Amino acid sequence: MRGVLEIPENLLPIQAALAQGLARVQTRFDAHLESDLPPVARLCRHVERYRGKMLRPSLTLLCGLAAAGRATDFDAAMTENQISVAAVCEMVHMATLVHDDVLDEADTRRSGQTVNR
């Protein structure tokens, strides 16, 4: 799949591995967005609706691929630990955005209502 950027043919396997890795990150992230406490559950549902570009998890996974040093087997190079670290990066980022919105009493973020509204 080609988007705004033209990706050279030799990088398509990396793009595919990154897409699969990000799907795993999203699954891991979603698995931790549950709570029995009603206020926390509402916050989690709000966070689910307003997803970002996943830049931090993408960079985390790409760094992991680069550090693995494997030229062909990108899927095997992406470990569960890397997926966990990438998910935590996104969780911390989302938490800082929520914190920022609450402190600034912001009404909107990412074209949607903030959690404090």
C-alpha atoms as a PDB file:
ATOM      1  CA  MET A   1       0.000   0.000   0.000  1.00  0.00           C
ATOM      2  CA  ARG A   2       1.450   3.329  -1.022  1.00  0.00           C
ATOM      3  CA  GLY A   3       0.520   6.551   0.666  1.00  0.00           C
ATOM      4  CA  VAL A   4       1.815  10.081   0.393  1.00  0.00           C
ATOM      5  CA  LEU A   5       5.431   8.941   0.434  1.00  0.00           C
ATOM      6  CA  GLU A   6       6.755   6.755  -2.316  1.00  0.00           C
ATOM      7  CA  ILE A   7       8.465   3.835  -0.627  1.00  0.00           C
ATOM      8  CA  PRO A   8      11.276   2.168  -2.556  1.00  0.00           C
ATOM      9  CA  GLU A   9      10.673  -1.487  -3.392  1.00  0.00           C
ATOM     10  CA  ASN A  10      13.543  -2.646  -1.179  1.00  0.00           C
ATOM     11  CA  LEU A  11      11.848  -1.092   1.885  1.00  0.00           C
ATOM     12  CA  LEU A  12       8.421  -2.660   1.356  1.00  0.00           C
ATOM     13  CA  PRO A  13       9.256  -5.695   3.561  1.00  0.00           C
ATOM     14  CA  ILE A  14      10.150  -3.306   6.390  1.00  0.00           C
ATOM     15  CA  GLN A  15       6.895  -1.412   5.876  1.00  0.00           C
ATOM     16  CA  ALA A  16       4.936  -4.674   5.994  1.00  0.00           C
ATOM     17  CA  ALA A  17       6.732  -5.813   9.160  1.00  0.00           C
ATOM     18  CA  LEU A  18       6.091  -2.414  10.748  1.00  0.00           C
ATOM     19  CA  ALA A  19       2.374  -2.618   9.915  1.00  0.00           C
ATOM     20  CA  GLN A  20       2.161  -6.082  11.485  1.00  0.00           C
ATOM     21  CA  GLY A  21       4.129  -4.898  14.509  1.00  0.00           C
ATOM     22  CA  LEU A  22       1.851  -1.888  14.972  1.00  0.00           C
ATOM     23  CA  ALA A  23      -1.183  -4.171  14.839  1.00  0.00           C
ATOM     24  CA  ARG A  24       0.384  -6.202  17.653  1.00  0.00           C
ATOM     25  CA  VAL A  25       1.109  -2.987  19.585  1.00  0.00           C
ATOM     26  CA  GLN A  26      -2.522  -1.915  19.181  1.00  0.00           C
ATOM     27  CA  THR A  27      -3.730  -5.292  20.436  1.00  0.00           C
ATOM     28  CA  ARG A  28      -1.423  -5.035  23.455  1.00  0.00           C
ATOM     29  CA  PHE A  29      -2.503  -1.440  24.095  1.00  0.00           C
ATOM     30  CA  ASP A  30      -6.210  -2.344  23.861  1.00  0.00           C
ATOM     31  CA  ALA A  31      -5.759  -5.266  26.257  1.00  0.00           C
ATOM     32  CA  HIS A  32      -4.779  -2.789  28.969  1.00  0.00           C
ATOM     33  CA  LEU A  33      -7.624  -0.341  28.309  1.00  0.00           C
ATOM     34  CA  GLU A  34     -10.111  -2.032  30.589  1.00  0.00           C
ATOM     35  CA  SER A  35     -11.200  -1.240  34.099  1.00  0.00           C
ATOM     36  CA  ASP A  36     -13.955  -2.186  36.525  1.00  0.00           C
ATOM     37  CA  LEU A  37     -13.972   1.369  37.882  1.00  0.00           C
ATOM     38  CA  PRO A  38     -16.611   3.402  35.983  1.00  0.00           C
ATOM     39  CA  PRO A  39     -14.619   6.682  35.761  1.00  0.00           C
ATOM     40  CA  VAL A  40     -11.523   4.846  34.534  1.00  0.00           C
ATOM     41  CA  ALA A  41     -13.591   2.770  32.098  1.00  0.00           C
ATOM     42  CA  ARG A  42     -15.038   5.994  30.615  1.00  0.00           C
ATOM     43  CA  LEU A  43     -11.530   7.404  30.258  1.00  0.00           C
ATOM     44  CA  CYS A  44     -10.382   4.218  28.519  1.00  0.00           C
ATOM     45  CA  ARG A  45     -13.287   4.332  26.049  1.00  0.00           C
ATOM     46  CA  HIS A  46     -12.444   7.956  25.319  1.00  0.00           C
ATOM     47  CA  VAL A  47      -8.787   7.114  24.654  1.00  0.00           C
ATOM     48  CA  GLU A  48      -9.854   4.326  22.272  1.00  0.00           C
ATOM     49  CA  ARG A  49     -11.851   6.757  20.124  1.00  0.00           C
ATOM     50  CA  TYR A  50      -9.051   9.252  19.540  1.00  0.00           C
ATOM     51  CA  ARG A  51      -6.059   7.367  18.224  1.00  0.00           C
ATOM     52  CA  GLY A  52      -3.031   9.168  16.921  1.00  0.00           C
ATOM     53  CA  LYS A  53      -0.494   8.416  14.229  1.00  0.00           C
ATOM     54  CA  MET A  54       1.394   5.900  16.400  1.00  0.00           C
ATOM     55  CA  LEU A  55       4.665   7.702  15.631  1.00  0.00           C
ATOM     56  CA  ARG A  56       6.385   6.768  18.905  1.00  0.00           C
ATOM     57  CA  PRO A  57       5.570   3.057  18.654  1.00  0.00           C
ATOM     58  CA  SER A  58       6.642   3.116  14.994  1.00  0.00           C
ATOM     59  CA  LEU A  59      10.007   4.618  15.858  1.00  0.00           C
ATOM     60  CA  THR A  60      10.424   2.180  18.739  1.00  0.00           C
ATOM     61  CA  LEU A  61       9.776  -0.810  16.476  1.00  0.00           C
ATOM     62  CA  LEU A  62      12.035   0.541  13.723  1.00  0.00           C
ATOM     63  CA  CYS A  63      14.848   1.013  16.246  1.00  0.00           C
ATOM     64  CA  GLY A  64      14.315  -2.565  17.382  1.00  0.00           C
ATOM     65  CA  LEU A  65      14.531  -3.793  13.793  1.00  0.00           C
ATOM     66  CA  ALA A  66      17.696  -1.785  13.210  1.00  0.00           C
ATOM     67  CA  ALA A  67      19.280  -3.102  16.400  1.00  0.00           C
ATOM     68  CA  ALA A  68      18.410  -6.702  15.496  1.00  0.00           C
ATOM     69  CA  GLY A  69      20.628  -6.461  12.443  1.00  0.00           C
ATOM     70  CA  ARG A  70      18.654  -9.014  10.423  1.00  0.00           C
ATOM     71  CA  ALA A  71      18.468  -8.188   6.761  1.00  0.00           C
ATOM     72  CA  THR A  72      15.517 -10.369   5.803  1.00  0.00           C
ATOM     73  CA  ASP A  73      13.473 -11.896   8.645  1.00  0.00           C
ATOM     74  CA  PHE A  74      11.896  -8.721  10.017  1.00  0.00           C
ATOM     75  CA  ASP A  75       8.940 -10.474  11.657  1.00  0.00           C
ATOM     76  CA  ALA A  76      11.251 -12.704  13.703  1.00  0.00           C
ATOM     77  CA  ALA A  77      13.341  -9.677  14.650  1.00  0.00           C
ATOM     78  CA  MET A  78      10.339  -7.993  16.297  1.00  0.00           C
ATOM     79  CA  THR A  79      10.213  -9.492  19.780  1.00  0.00           C
ATOM     80  CA  GLU A  80       7.432  -9.438  22.362  1.00  0.00           C
ATOM     81  CA  ASN A  81       9.605  -7.142  24.479  1.00  0.00           C
ATOM     82  CA  GLN A  82       9.804  -4.644  21.616  1.00  0.00           C
ATOM     83  CA  ILE A  83       6.028  -4.806  21.181  1.00  0.00           C
ATOM     84  CA  SER A  84       5.590  -4.181  24.922  1.00  0.00           C
ATOM     85  CA  VAL A  85       7.991  -1.231  24.930  1.00  0.00           C
ATOM     86  CA  ALA A  86       6.245   0.277  21.894  1.00  0.00           C
ATOM     87  CA  ALA A  87       2.836  -0.116  23.584  1.00  0.00           C
ATOM     88  CA  VAL A  88       4.145   1.503  26.767  1.00  0.00           C
ATOM     89  CA  CYS A  89       5.520   4.423  24.721  1.00  0.00           C
ATOM     90  CA  GLU A  90       2.043   5.022  23.294  1.00  0.00           C
ATOM     91  CA  MET A  91       0.411   4.638  26.725  1.00  0.00           C
ATOM     92  CA  VAL A  92       2.740   7.196  28.290  1.00  0.00           C
ATOM     93  CA  HIS A  93       2.192   9.557  25.361  1.00  0.00           C
ATOM     94  CA  MET A  94      -1.595   9.242  25.635  1.00  0.00           C
ATOM     95  CA  ALA A  95      -1.399   9.792  29.399  1.00  0.00           C
ATOM     96  CA  THR A  96       0.613  12.991  28.918  1.00  0.00           C
ATOM     97  CA  LEU A  97      -1.951  14.262  26.385  1.00  0.00           C
ATOM     98  CA  VAL A  98      -4.833  13.576  28.778  1.00  0.00           C
ATOM     99  CA  HIS A  99      -2.900  15.235  31.612  1.00  0.00           C
ATOM    100  CA  ASP A 100      -2.158  18.245  29.411  1.00  0.00           C
ATOM    101  CA  ASP A 101      -5.808  18.575  28.366  1.00  0.00           C
ATOM    102  CA  VAL A 102      -7.026  18.455  31.956  1.00  0.00           C
ATOM    103  CA  LEU A 103      -4.490  21.006  33.205  1.00  0.00           C
ATOM    104  CA  ASP A 104      -5.112  23.343  30.259  1.00  0.00           C
ATOM    105  CA  GLU A 105      -8.879  22.799  30.470  1.00  0.00           C
ATOM    106  CA  ALA A 106      -8.777  22.181  26.720  1.00  0.00           C
ATOM    107  CA  ASP A 107     -12.025  21.518  24.881  1.00  0.00           C
ATOM    108  CA  THR A 108     -10.703  19.681  21.815  1.00  0.00           C
ATOM    109  CA  ARG A 109      -7.801  17.522  20.702  1.00  0.00           C
ATOM    110  CA  ARG A 110      -7.504  15.611  17.430  1.00  0.00           C
ATOM    111  CA  SER A 111     -10.783  17.127  16.254  1.00  0.00           C
ATOM    112  CA  GLY A 112     -12.674  15.618  19.174  1.00  0.00           C
ATOM    113  CA  GLN A 113     -13.698  16.447  22.704  1.00  0.00           C
ATOM    114  CA  THR A 114     -11.082  16.076  25.380  1.00  0.00           C
ATOM    115  CA  VAL A 115     -11.517  13.694  28.277  1.00  0.00           C
ATOM    116  CA  ASN A 116     -12.277  16.492  30.715  1.00  0.00           C
ATOM    117  CA  ARG A 117     -15.376  17.608  28.743  1.00  0.00           C
END
